[in-house]
């Protein structure tokens, strides 16, 4: 009888820990797949034709994978793994090689993207209170040194 109670208690505790872990992961508003709404997106440079990003998180480490088709129809990807602790982490991408970010609150991330140690762009991403919209505002300088700004509106899928 005592062994059975221990097994039931251990099973219950394991299920509870698993449920709490799943709830914590689901509670992060950035986790999931997001797609750009081209009609609501604005950019001083030609805007992307399409853009999607998938975020996952495990133990405060975010993973991002971005699929992009630029204004000329050229497809490329970006991927990265890092914490929002202000420290740089590498990115695999043709246009940037490092990123750092901070998270002032649960729905906001501030980021800086660099190429060869030089800031290419920076901005802020904010998730709406209902968790369905992500607005990414920022700017930087292109390869010719010309300043640009953008507002990318993403919708959770």
N, C-alpha and C. Protein backbone atom coordinates (compact mmCIF):
# COMPACT_ATOMS: atom_id res chain seq x y z
N UNK A 1 0.82 -1.19 0.00
CA UNK A 1 0.00 0.00 0.00
C UNK A 1 0.87 1.25 0.00
N UNK A 2 1.91 1.26 0.83
CA UNK A 2 2.80 2.41 0.93
C UNK A 2 3.54 2.63 -0.40
N UNK A 3 4.00 1.56 -1.06
CA UNK A 3 4.69 1.67 -2.34
C UNK A 3 3.76 2.24 -3.39
N UNK A 4 2.52 1.78 -3.38
CA UNK A 4 1.53 2.27 -4.34
C UNK A 4 1.30 3.78 -4.15
N UNK A 5 1.20 4.24 -2.90
CA UNK A 5 1.03 5.66 -2.61
C UNK A 5 2.22 6.47 -3.09
N UNK A 6 3.43 5.94 -2.89
CA UNK A 6 4.63 6.63 -3.36
C UNK A 6 4.65 6.74 -4.89
N UNK A 7 4.28 5.67 -5.57
CA UNK A 7 4.25 5.66 -7.04
C UNK A 7 3.20 6.66 -7.55
N UNK A 8 2.03 6.67 -6.93
CA UNK A 8 0.98 7.61 -7.32
C UNK A 8 1.43 9.03 -7.06
N UNK A 9 2.05 9.28 -5.90
CA UNK A 9 2.54 10.62 -5.58
C UNK A 9 3.63 11.06 -6.56
N UNK A 10 4.56 10.17 -6.87
CA UNK A 10 5.63 10.50 -7.80
C UNK A 10 5.07 10.78 -9.19
N UNK A 11 4.11 9.99 -9.61
CA UNK A 11 3.48 10.20 -10.92
C UNK A 11 2.76 11.54 -10.95
N UNK A 12 2.03 11.86 -9.89
CA UNK A 12 1.31 13.13 -9.82
C UNK A 12 2.28 14.31 -9.86
N UNK A 13 3.36 14.22 -9.07
CA UNK A 13 4.34 15.30 -9.04
C UNK A 13 5.00 15.46 -10.41
N UNK A 14 5.34 14.37 -11.07
CA UNK A 14 5.94 14.44 -12.41
C UNK A 14 4.98 15.10 -13.40
N UNK A 15 3.72 14.72 -13.34
CA UNK A 15 2.72 15.31 -14.24
C UNK A 15 2.55 16.80 -13.96
N UNK A 16 2.57 17.17 -12.69
CA UNK A 16 2.44 18.58 -12.32
C UNK A 16 3.63 19.39 -12.83
N UNK A 17 4.84 18.88 -12.66
CA UNK A 17 6.04 19.57 -13.13
C UNK A 17 5.98 19.72 -14.65
N UNK A 18 5.60 18.68 -15.35
CA UNK A 18 5.48 18.74 -16.81
C UNK A 18 4.43 19.77 -17.22
N UNK A 19 3.29 19.77 -16.56
CA UNK A 19 2.23 20.74 -16.88
C UNK A 19 2.70 22.17 -16.63
N UNK A 20 3.41 22.40 -15.54
CA UNK A 20 3.93 23.74 -15.26
C UNK A 20 4.96 24.17 -16.30
N UNK A 21 5.80 23.25 -16.73
CA UNK A 21 6.79 23.56 -17.77
C UNK A 21 6.11 23.93 -19.08
N UNK A 22 5.09 23.18 -19.45
CA UNK A 22 4.34 23.47 -20.68
C UNK A 22 3.64 24.82 -20.56
N UNK A 23 3.05 25.12 -19.40
CA UNK A 23 2.37 26.40 -19.20
C UNK A 23 3.37 27.55 -19.26
N UNK A 24 4.54 27.38 -18.69
CA UNK A 24 5.55 28.44 -18.71
C UNK A 24 6.00 28.71 -20.14
N UNK A 25 6.18 27.65 -20.92
CA UNK A 25 6.58 27.82 -22.31
C UNK A 25 5.47 28.50 -23.10
N UNK A 26 4.24 28.08 -22.88
CA UNK A 26 3.12 28.66 -23.61
C UNK A 26 2.88 30.11 -23.19
N UNK A 27 3.29 30.47 -21.98
CA UNK A 27 3.07 31.82 -21.49
C UNK A 27 3.98 32.84 -22.16
N UNK A 28 5.08 32.43 -22.76
CA UNK A 28 5.98 33.37 -23.42
C UNK A 28 5.31 33.85 -24.70
N UNK A 29 5.01 35.15 -24.79
CA UNK A 29 4.25 35.65 -25.94
C UNK A 29 5.02 35.61 -27.26
N UNK A 30 6.34 35.46 -27.23
CA UNK A 30 7.13 35.42 -28.47
C UNK A 30 7.13 34.05 -29.13
N UNK A 31 6.93 32.99 -28.34
CA UNK A 31 7.02 31.64 -28.86
C UNK A 31 5.92 31.37 -29.89
N UNK A 32 6.31 30.77 -31.00
CA UNK A 32 5.38 30.42 -32.06
C UNK A 32 5.87 30.92 -33.41
N UNK A 33 5.00 30.82 -34.39
CA UNK A 33 5.31 31.26 -35.74
C UNK A 33 4.55 32.53 -36.04
N UNK A 34 5.25 33.49 -36.62
CA UNK A 34 4.72 34.81 -36.94
C UNK A 34 4.92 35.07 -38.43
N UNK A 35 3.91 35.65 -39.08
CA UNK A 35 4.03 36.02 -40.49
C UNK A 35 3.73 37.50 -40.67
N UNK A 36 4.51 38.11 -41.57
CA UNK A 36 4.35 39.53 -41.85
C UNK A 36 3.03 39.80 -42.56
N UNK A 37 2.38 40.89 -42.16
CA UNK A 37 1.21 41.41 -42.86
C UNK A 37 1.73 42.52 -43.78
N UNK A 38 1.89 42.25 -45.08
CA UNK A 38 2.48 43.24 -45.99
C UNK A 38 1.68 44.54 -46.08
N UNK A 39 0.36 44.45 -45.94
CA UNK A 39 -0.48 45.65 -46.06
C UNK A 39 -0.24 46.63 -44.91
N UNK A 40 0.18 46.15 -43.76
CA UNK A 40 0.39 47.01 -42.60
C UNK A 40 1.87 47.34 -42.36
N UNK A 41 2.76 46.71 -43.12
CA UNK A 41 4.19 46.91 -42.96
C UNK A 41 4.66 48.11 -43.77
N UNK A 42 5.55 48.90 -43.18
CA UNK A 42 6.07 50.09 -43.85
C UNK A 42 7.59 50.11 -43.72
N UNK A 43 8.26 50.57 -44.77
CA UNK A 43 9.71 50.66 -44.75
C UNK A 43 10.17 51.76 -45.69
N UNK A 44 11.22 52.50 -45.28
CA UNK A 44 11.77 53.51 -46.18
C UNK A 44 12.58 52.86 -47.30
N UNK A 45 13.04 51.64 -47.08
CA UNK A 45 13.65 50.82 -48.13
C UNK A 45 12.54 49.96 -48.73
N UNK A 46 12.75 49.38 -49.90
CA UNK A 46 11.73 48.45 -50.39
C UNK A 46 11.47 47.35 -49.36
N UNK A 47 10.22 47.14 -49.05
CA UNK A 47 9.84 46.18 -48.01
C UNK A 47 9.99 44.74 -48.52
N UNK A 48 10.14 43.82 -47.56
CA UNK A 48 10.17 42.40 -47.91
C UNK A 48 8.87 42.02 -48.60
N UNK A 49 8.95 41.05 -49.52
CA UNK A 49 7.73 40.49 -50.13
C UNK A 49 7.06 39.55 -49.14
N UNK A 50 7.89 38.79 -48.42
CA UNK A 50 7.34 37.93 -47.36
C UNK A 50 8.39 37.75 -46.27
N UNK A 51 7.90 37.51 -45.07
CA UNK A 51 8.78 37.36 -43.92
C UNK A 51 8.03 36.56 -42.86
N UNK A 52 8.66 35.52 -42.38
CA UNK A 52 8.10 34.77 -41.25
C UNK A 52 9.22 34.43 -40.29
N UNK A 53 8.87 34.30 -39.04
CA UNK A 53 9.84 33.94 -38.02
C UNK A 53 9.20 32.95 -37.05
N UNK A 54 9.98 31.98 -36.67
CA UNK A 54 9.54 31.00 -35.68
C UNK A 54 10.46 31.10 -34.48
N UNK A 55 9.86 31.34 -33.31
CA UNK A 55 10.59 31.44 -32.05
C UNK A 55 10.29 30.21 -31.19
N UNK A 56 11.31 29.71 -30.53
CA UNK A 56 11.12 28.72 -29.47
C UNK A 56 12.01 29.17 -28.31
N UNK A 57 11.74 28.67 -27.13
CA UNK A 57 12.55 29.02 -25.96
C UNK A 57 12.67 27.81 -25.06
N UNK A 58 13.87 27.64 -24.52
CA UNK A 58 14.11 26.58 -23.54
C UNK A 58 15.11 27.13 -22.54
N UNK A 59 14.73 27.13 -21.27
CA UNK A 59 15.58 27.61 -20.18
C UNK A 59 16.14 29.01 -20.49
N UNK A 60 15.28 29.93 -20.88
CA UNK A 60 15.62 31.33 -21.17
C UNK A 60 16.50 31.53 -22.39
N UNK A 61 16.70 30.49 -23.18
CA UNK A 61 17.47 30.60 -24.41
C UNK A 61 16.49 30.56 -25.59
N UNK A 62 16.48 31.65 -26.35
CA UNK A 62 15.60 31.74 -27.51
C UNK A 62 16.29 31.18 -28.74
N UNK A 63 15.50 30.57 -29.60
CA UNK A 63 15.97 30.15 -30.92
C UNK A 63 15.04 30.81 -31.92
N UNK A 64 15.63 31.38 -32.95
CA UNK A 64 14.83 32.03 -33.99
C UNK A 64 15.24 31.52 -35.35
N UNK A 65 14.25 31.32 -36.19
CA UNK A 65 14.50 30.96 -37.58
C UNK A 65 13.62 31.84 -38.44
N UNK A 66 14.24 32.60 -39.34
CA UNK A 66 13.52 33.54 -40.18
C UNK A 66 13.61 33.13 -41.65
N UNK A 67 12.47 33.14 -42.33
CA UNK A 67 12.38 32.93 -43.78
C UNK A 67 11.98 34.25 -44.39
N UNK A 68 12.78 34.74 -45.35
CA UNK A 68 12.57 36.06 -45.92
C UNK A 68 12.65 36.00 -47.44
N UNK A 69 11.76 36.75 -48.10
CA UNK A 69 11.88 37.01 -49.53
C UNK A 69 11.96 38.53 -49.64
N UNK A 70 13.10 39.02 -50.16
CA UNK A 70 13.30 40.46 -50.23
C UNK A 70 12.49 41.10 -51.36
N UNK A 71 12.60 42.41 -51.48
CA UNK A 71 11.82 43.16 -52.47
C UNK A 71 12.12 42.73 -53.90
N UNK A 72 13.32 42.17 -54.14
CA UNK A 72 13.70 41.70 -55.48
C UNK A 72 13.32 40.25 -55.72
N UNK A 73 12.70 39.60 -54.75
CA UNK A 73 12.29 38.21 -54.89
C UNK A 73 13.35 37.20 -54.47
N UNK A 74 14.45 37.66 -53.88
CA UNK A 74 15.52 36.78 -53.45
C UNK A 74 15.20 36.23 -52.05
N UNK A 75 15.21 34.90 -51.94
CA UNK A 75 14.91 34.26 -50.66
C UNK A 75 16.19 34.04 -49.86
N UNK A 76 16.10 34.25 -48.54
CA UNK A 76 17.22 33.93 -47.65
C UNK A 76 16.68 33.65 -46.26
N UNK A 77 17.56 33.12 -45.42
CA UNK A 77 17.18 32.77 -44.05
C UNK A 77 18.16 33.40 -43.07
N UNK A 78 17.67 33.56 -41.85
CA UNK A 78 18.49 33.93 -40.71
C UNK A 78 18.17 32.94 -39.59
N UNK A 79 19.17 32.56 -38.82
CA UNK A 79 18.92 31.72 -37.65
C UNK A 79 19.87 32.13 -36.54
N UNK A 80 19.41 31.92 -35.32
CA UNK A 80 20.19 32.33 -34.16
C UNK A 80 19.68 31.64 -32.91
N UNK A 81 20.56 31.59 -31.91
CA UNK A 81 20.23 31.06 -30.59
C UNK A 81 20.91 31.96 -29.57
N UNK A 82 20.16 32.48 -28.62
CA UNK A 82 20.77 33.35 -27.61
C UNK A 82 19.80 33.79 -26.54
N UNK A 83 20.35 34.41 -25.51
CA UNK A 83 19.55 34.96 -24.41
C UNK A 83 19.38 36.46 -24.61
N UNK A 84 18.32 36.99 -24.03
CA UNK A 84 18.09 38.45 -24.05
C UNK A 84 18.71 39.05 -22.80
N UNK A 85 20.03 38.95 -22.73
CA UNK A 85 20.75 39.43 -21.56
C UNK A 85 21.73 40.56 -21.88
N UNK A 86 21.62 41.11 -23.10
CA UNK A 86 22.49 42.21 -23.50
C UNK A 86 23.81 41.77 -24.10
N UNK A 87 24.12 40.48 -24.06
CA UNK A 87 25.37 39.98 -24.61
C UNK A 87 25.16 39.56 -26.07
N UNK A 88 26.19 39.76 -26.87
CA UNK A 88 26.12 39.37 -28.29
C UNK A 88 26.12 37.86 -28.45
N UNK A 89 25.37 37.41 -29.43
CA UNK A 89 25.40 36.00 -29.82
C UNK A 89 25.41 35.95 -31.35
N UNK A 90 25.97 34.89 -31.93
CA UNK A 90 26.10 34.81 -33.38
C UNK A 90 24.77 34.58 -34.09
N UNK A 91 24.70 35.10 -35.31
CA UNK A 91 23.56 34.85 -36.20
C UNK A 91 24.12 34.26 -37.49
N UNK A 92 23.37 33.36 -38.07
CA UNK A 92 23.71 32.82 -39.38
C UNK A 92 22.79 33.52 -40.37
N UNK A 93 23.37 34.43 -41.17
CA UNK A 93 22.58 35.23 -42.10
C UNK A 93 23.53 35.93 -43.08
N UNK A 94 23.04 36.28 -44.26
CA UNK A 94 23.90 36.99 -45.20
C UNK A 94 24.11 38.47 -44.84
N UNK A 95 23.19 39.05 -44.09
CA UNK A 95 23.25 40.49 -43.84
C UNK A 95 23.70 40.89 -42.44
N UNK A 96 23.75 39.97 -41.50
CA UNK A 96 24.22 40.23 -40.14
C UNK A 96 24.95 39.00 -39.62
N UNK A 97 25.84 39.19 -38.63
CA UNK A 97 26.54 38.04 -38.06
C UNK A 97 26.47 37.98 -36.53
N UNK A 98 25.87 39.00 -35.91
CA UNK A 98 25.75 39.01 -34.45
C UNK A 98 24.53 39.84 -34.05
N UNK A 99 23.98 39.47 -32.90
CA UNK A 99 22.83 40.20 -32.37
C UNK A 99 22.94 40.21 -30.85
N UNK A 100 22.41 41.25 -30.25
CA UNK A 100 22.24 41.28 -28.80
C UNK A 100 20.83 41.79 -28.54
N UNK A 101 20.28 41.41 -27.39
CA UNK A 101 18.94 41.90 -27.07
C UNK A 101 18.76 41.96 -25.56
N UNK A 102 17.81 42.77 -25.17
CA UNK A 102 17.37 42.86 -23.79
C UNK A 102 15.86 42.78 -23.79
N UNK A 103 15.29 42.40 -22.67
CA UNK A 103 13.84 42.24 -22.56
C UNK A 103 13.34 43.05 -21.36
N UNK A 104 12.97 44.33 -21.62
CA UNK A 104 12.52 45.18 -20.51
C UNK A 104 11.24 44.71 -19.83
N UNK A 105 10.41 43.96 -20.57
CA UNK A 105 9.22 43.35 -19.97
C UNK A 105 8.84 42.14 -20.80
N UNK A 106 7.84 41.38 -20.36
CA UNK A 106 7.49 40.11 -21.00
C UNK A 106 7.08 40.25 -22.46
N UNK A 107 6.57 41.41 -22.86
CA UNK A 107 6.07 41.59 -24.23
C UNK A 107 6.98 42.45 -25.11
N UNK A 108 8.17 42.80 -24.63
CA UNK A 108 9.03 43.72 -25.37
C UNK A 108 10.46 43.22 -25.42
N UNK A 109 11.05 43.29 -26.61
CA UNK A 109 12.48 42.98 -26.79
C UNK A 109 13.12 44.12 -27.57
N UNK A 110 14.25 44.62 -27.06
CA UNK A 110 15.07 45.60 -27.76
C UNK A 110 16.28 44.84 -28.32
N UNK A 111 16.65 45.12 -29.57
CA UNK A 111 17.73 44.36 -30.20
C UNK A 111 18.66 45.27 -31.00
N UNK A 112 19.88 44.76 -31.19
CA UNK A 112 20.90 45.40 -32.02
C UNK A 112 21.53 44.32 -32.88
N UNK A 113 21.56 44.54 -34.19
CA UNK A 113 22.15 43.58 -35.13
C UNK A 113 23.41 44.19 -35.74
N UNK A 114 24.44 43.36 -35.84
CA UNK A 114 25.74 43.84 -36.33
C UNK A 114 26.27 42.95 -37.46
N UNK A 115 27.14 43.55 -38.25
CA UNK A 115 27.90 42.83 -39.28
C UNK A 115 29.34 43.29 -39.16
N UNK A 116 30.26 42.36 -38.95
CA UNK A 116 31.68 42.68 -38.78
C UNK A 116 31.92 43.73 -37.69
N UNK A 117 31.16 43.62 -36.59
CA UNK A 117 31.34 44.51 -35.46
C UNK A 117 30.65 45.86 -35.57
N UNK A 118 30.04 46.14 -36.70
CA UNK A 118 29.39 47.43 -36.94
C UNK A 118 27.86 47.27 -36.87
N UNK A 119 27.20 48.19 -36.16
CA UNK A 119 25.73 48.13 -36.06
C UNK A 119 25.12 48.34 -37.44
N UNK A 120 24.27 47.40 -37.83
CA UNK A 120 23.56 47.47 -39.12
C UNK A 120 22.16 48.04 -38.90
N UNK A 121 21.48 47.53 -37.88
CA UNK A 121 20.17 48.07 -37.50
C UNK A 121 19.87 47.70 -36.06
N UNK A 122 18.90 48.41 -35.51
CA UNK A 122 18.44 48.13 -34.16
C UNK A 122 16.97 48.48 -34.08
N UNK A 123 16.31 47.96 -33.07
CA UNK A 123 14.89 48.25 -32.95
C UNK A 123 14.26 47.64 -31.72
N UNK A 124 12.95 47.67 -31.73
CA UNK A 124 12.15 47.17 -30.61
C UNK A 124 10.98 46.36 -31.17
N UNK A 125 10.77 45.20 -30.59
CA UNK A 125 9.63 44.35 -30.94
C UNK A 125 8.69 44.31 -29.75
N UNK A 126 7.41 44.57 -30.00
CA UNK A 126 6.41 44.56 -28.94
C UNK A 126 5.26 43.65 -29.35
N UNK A 127 4.88 42.76 -28.45
CA UNK A 127 3.74 41.87 -28.66
C UNK A 127 2.51 42.54 -28.05
N UNK A 128 1.40 42.55 -28.80
CA UNK A 128 0.15 43.15 -28.31
C UNK A 128 -0.35 42.42 -27.08
N UNK A 129 -1.22 43.08 -26.32
CA UNK A 129 -1.76 42.48 -25.09
C UNK A 129 -2.52 41.20 -25.36
N UNK A 130 -3.19 41.11 -26.53
CA UNK A 130 -3.93 39.89 -26.85
C UNK A 130 -3.03 38.79 -27.41
N UNK A 131 -1.72 39.09 -27.62
CA UNK A 131 -0.76 38.10 -28.08
C UNK A 131 -0.85 37.72 -29.54
N UNK A 132 -1.64 38.45 -30.33
CA UNK A 132 -1.86 38.08 -31.72
C UNK A 132 -1.04 38.89 -32.72
N UNK A 133 -0.50 40.02 -32.27
CA UNK A 133 0.22 40.92 -33.19
C UNK A 133 1.58 41.27 -32.59
N UNK A 134 2.56 41.33 -33.47
CA UNK A 134 3.92 41.71 -33.10
C UNK A 134 4.29 42.91 -33.97
N UNK A 135 4.69 44.01 -33.35
CA UNK A 135 5.10 45.19 -34.11
C UNK A 135 6.59 45.41 -33.86
N UNK A 136 7.32 45.42 -34.94
CA UNK A 136 8.76 45.51 -34.91
C UNK A 136 9.17 46.83 -35.57
N UNK A 137 9.64 47.79 -34.77
CA UNK A 137 10.04 49.11 -35.30
C UNK A 137 11.53 49.30 -35.10
N UNK A 138 12.18 49.83 -36.13
CA UNK A 138 13.61 50.07 -36.00
C UNK A 138 14.17 50.79 -37.20
N UNK A 139 15.47 50.76 -37.28
CA UNK A 139 16.15 51.40 -38.39
C UNK A 139 17.64 51.17 -38.33
N UNK A 140 18.33 51.66 -39.35
CA UNK A 140 19.77 51.49 -39.42
C UNK A 140 20.31 52.17 -40.66
N UNK A 141 21.40 51.63 -41.17
CA UNK A 141 22.01 52.15 -42.40
C UNK A 141 22.28 50.99 -43.34
N UNK A 142 21.99 51.20 -44.63
CA UNK A 142 22.25 50.15 -45.61
C UNK A 142 23.73 50.12 -45.98
N UNK A 143 24.09 49.27 -46.94
CA UNK A 143 25.49 49.09 -47.32
C UNK A 143 26.14 50.37 -47.85
N UNK A 144 25.32 51.27 -48.41
CA UNK A 144 25.84 52.55 -48.91
C UNK A 144 25.85 53.64 -47.84
N UNK A 145 25.43 53.30 -46.63
CA UNK A 145 25.40 54.28 -45.55
C UNK A 145 24.13 55.11 -45.49
N UNK A 146 23.15 54.78 -46.31
CA UNK A 146 21.88 55.51 -46.33
C UNK A 146 20.98 55.00 -45.19
N UNK A 147 20.44 55.94 -44.41
CA UNK A 147 19.58 55.59 -43.28
C UNK A 147 18.24 55.03 -43.77
N UNK A 148 17.70 54.09 -43.00
CA UNK A 148 16.38 53.53 -43.29
C UNK A 148 15.63 53.28 -42.00
N UNK A 149 14.32 53.22 -42.10
CA UNK A 149 13.45 52.86 -40.97
C UNK A 149 12.44 51.83 -41.43
N UNK A 150 11.88 51.13 -40.48
CA UNK A 150 10.85 50.13 -40.81
C UNK A 150 9.90 49.94 -39.64
N UNK A 151 8.70 49.52 -39.99
CA UNK A 151 7.69 49.04 -39.06
C UNK A 151 7.14 47.77 -39.67
N UNK A 152 7.48 46.64 -39.09
CA UNK A 152 7.02 45.35 -39.60
C UNK A 152 5.92 44.84 -38.68
N UNK A 153 4.76 44.60 -39.24
CA UNK A 153 3.63 44.09 -38.48
C UNK A 153 3.50 42.59 -38.76
N UNK A 154 3.59 41.81 -37.70
CA UNK A 154 3.53 40.35 -37.82
C UNK A 154 2.28 39.85 -37.09
N UNK A 155 1.73 38.76 -37.61
CA UNK A 155 0.56 38.13 -36.99
C UNK A 155 0.89 36.71 -36.60
N UNK A 156 0.45 36.33 -35.41
CA UNK A 156 0.73 34.98 -34.92
C UNK A 156 -0.09 33.98 -35.71
N UNK A 157 0.55 32.90 -36.04
CA UNK A 157 -0.10 31.84 -36.83
C UNK A 157 -0.61 30.72 -35.94
